[in-house]
Each structure stands twice: as structure tokens, then as C-alpha cells.
Amino acid sequence: MLTITAPTPPAPLTRTPNTGARTTERPLLRVGLVQHRWQEDEQDLRAELDEGIAAAARLGAQVVFLPELTLSRYPAFVEGGDNPGRQAEDLLTGPTFTFAAKAAAEHGIPVHASLYERDDRASGDQYDDGLGFNTAILVSPSGRLLARTRKLHIPVTAGYYEDTYFRGGPATDPYPVHTALDGVKLGMPTCWDEWFPEVARAYSLGGAEVLVYPTAIGSEPDFPQFDTQPLWQQVIVGNGIANGTFMVVPNRHGNEGLITFYGSSFISDPYGRILVQAPRDESAVLVADLDLQQREDWLALFPFLTTRRPDTYGALTEPVDHASPFGKA
């Protein structure tokens, strides 16, 4: 498996004696990411993921992040039908949590993964729509669930009929910032969430330093000549710049029938620099050191959060007008 590392972060372009005086010196955070392809043989699939996690751990990664719907073939290239939730799994006893917990224990670092989550009936969350949640999790080496975040925004486009499988996450505490990584402030939205500037801004206002977007994105079945990869990357990097956040984006690669996933997983910093990036068509491990002080350095120079005008943003909280999909005339 290809391994790409960035053990020395690029210089903090805006660090000054003044900003340094306001900031407690923080150790670098070494993160790992695995880009993989879905394989029909379950043992081969798990072996590839475990190989990547092991490689990241050997290189000193303190946490490793995996793509969306980690153990599953991407289901939403066709509509879900009458009972899409039959493919969903229990959060704490299903195969994804079990795999992540085992890998975390074996390699001694927290493992992030993504799954199609069945209704949490033990907590009284029951629904009649037959759908489940698209959920990101972080699991400790001791097998404890450190964090869970449910995907909020659900795509409805050709080849990505996710609205027939997943319901959006709840409006209660929709942007949780987790501090399970030795106080590092982590947000864990998912895939389609990455296109919405409101998501990155909400996490940044909550103090998030690192956003990880487990992703499954590739070709557009109705427009096979249209390569969205550059747009996808630019919008994520731009949201990181506008909010002072590191972006960790693990995608899958390979053809799964109707869609060819384009890999290109990457990690970027608050200045918009790509620290490491995977190829489009190969499994890879990315490992990079993050200088978390750069968030404060950048936002001290460009204070986006403190010069906002929330008194003018009322239109952003109005109900969606499906009669005007391109905005009001």
C-alpha cells in the first residue's frame, strides 16, 4: 500500500511574537488516513484496511481516519426500495464498531470509521420511515465509543440516492465538537456535509480545530465527462481557510458499478495548503503532523469569526423553499 507522509508541517505564515505570547505551546498532532477500495471478499476488504491502520500506527499516527461507510459497498447508486434499513447495523454490536475496536486495540490508537446505523431503539429513537443514519464514530483502544456524529445533509442526485437510505441527523446538538484526542477539538461531519459552508462555520464557532469528513464521492452517472474532483477539493479547502480549520478527508477509490470513486484523499491546513494527498486510483496511507497553533495564528490575522454580521443572516435560517431551488428571482 502506498504511504505518503508529511512529518514536518510547513511554516506558520502568520505566527508572530504577539500571537505566540497569547498561545500556549502545543505539541504537534500526527494524524493518519487510509484510502481504500471496496472489495467483495470481506476478508480482503478488512485486511486492506487493517494494513493501512497498521502502517499509520507504525509511523506514529495518534489517530487514524477511514472513509465513509467503511466496510460497505456504496449502496445508494440505486434507490433503497421498500426496506433499505435491512442493510443497517447496530452501533455498538455491529461489524463496523467491532472492526474499529479490534483495530484500535491491536494498534494502540483511536480509530475513526463510518457506518449505516440502525435506529437506536435502546435510547427510544424509533422511526417509521424504514431509514437509518449515516454515522461517523471514533473508538478508543479500550473499545470505548469516544464520539459519534450523524450525517446532517443528505444528497438526492442521480447515483447518490442517499435520501432513500438515510435520514438526516438531528437538529439537537447537530455540530458536536469532541475533545477525546487529548483535548484536540475534533468535528466529524460526513461527505455531503463538506459542501455546506454553514457546517464548517458552525464547527469553527464551536472551537473545532480539525474537521474530518469521511467521504464516498466519484463520477456523476448522468454526466460521465464531468470530473467534480477539483471542485470537491477546492470547496473543502476553502471552507478550511474561511474557518481556520484543518481538513482531513478520507475517500474511497475504485469502480463499484455505476460509480467510479476518485480517491484523492487529502489533509489541508488553515492556510489552504495541501499537506498530503493520495492518488485517484490507488489505496494509500497518508500521515501528517498538524501544528494546531496555526488556527489561532491565521484567525488572529483574518478574524472571520469576530467580524461576522449575524444580524444580517436571517435568510439563512428560513425554511427551505423547494419551489425556488436556485434562490428567489
Foldseek 3Di string as FASTA:
>chain_A
DAEDEQADDDDLPQDDPVLVVVDDADDWAKEKEWAAAADPPQVVLLVRVLVQLLVSLVVPHQEYEYAFQRRDDQDQLDFCPDANLVQADADQPDDVLVSQQVSQQVSVHKYKYWGFHDAPVVVPGDDDLNATWTKIWIAHNVSDTQDMATAADADCANRRNCVNHHHGDDPVPRWDFGLPSVGQTETEHEAVLLQDLVNLQVSLVVVHAEYEYRYEDFAHLVCRVDGCVVVSLVSNLVSLLLRQHKYWYHYYAQDDDSGGTQTFTFIAGNVSDTSDTDGGHDIYMYMYIHRSSSSSSSCVVVVNPVPDDVVPCVVVPDDDDPVCPPDDD
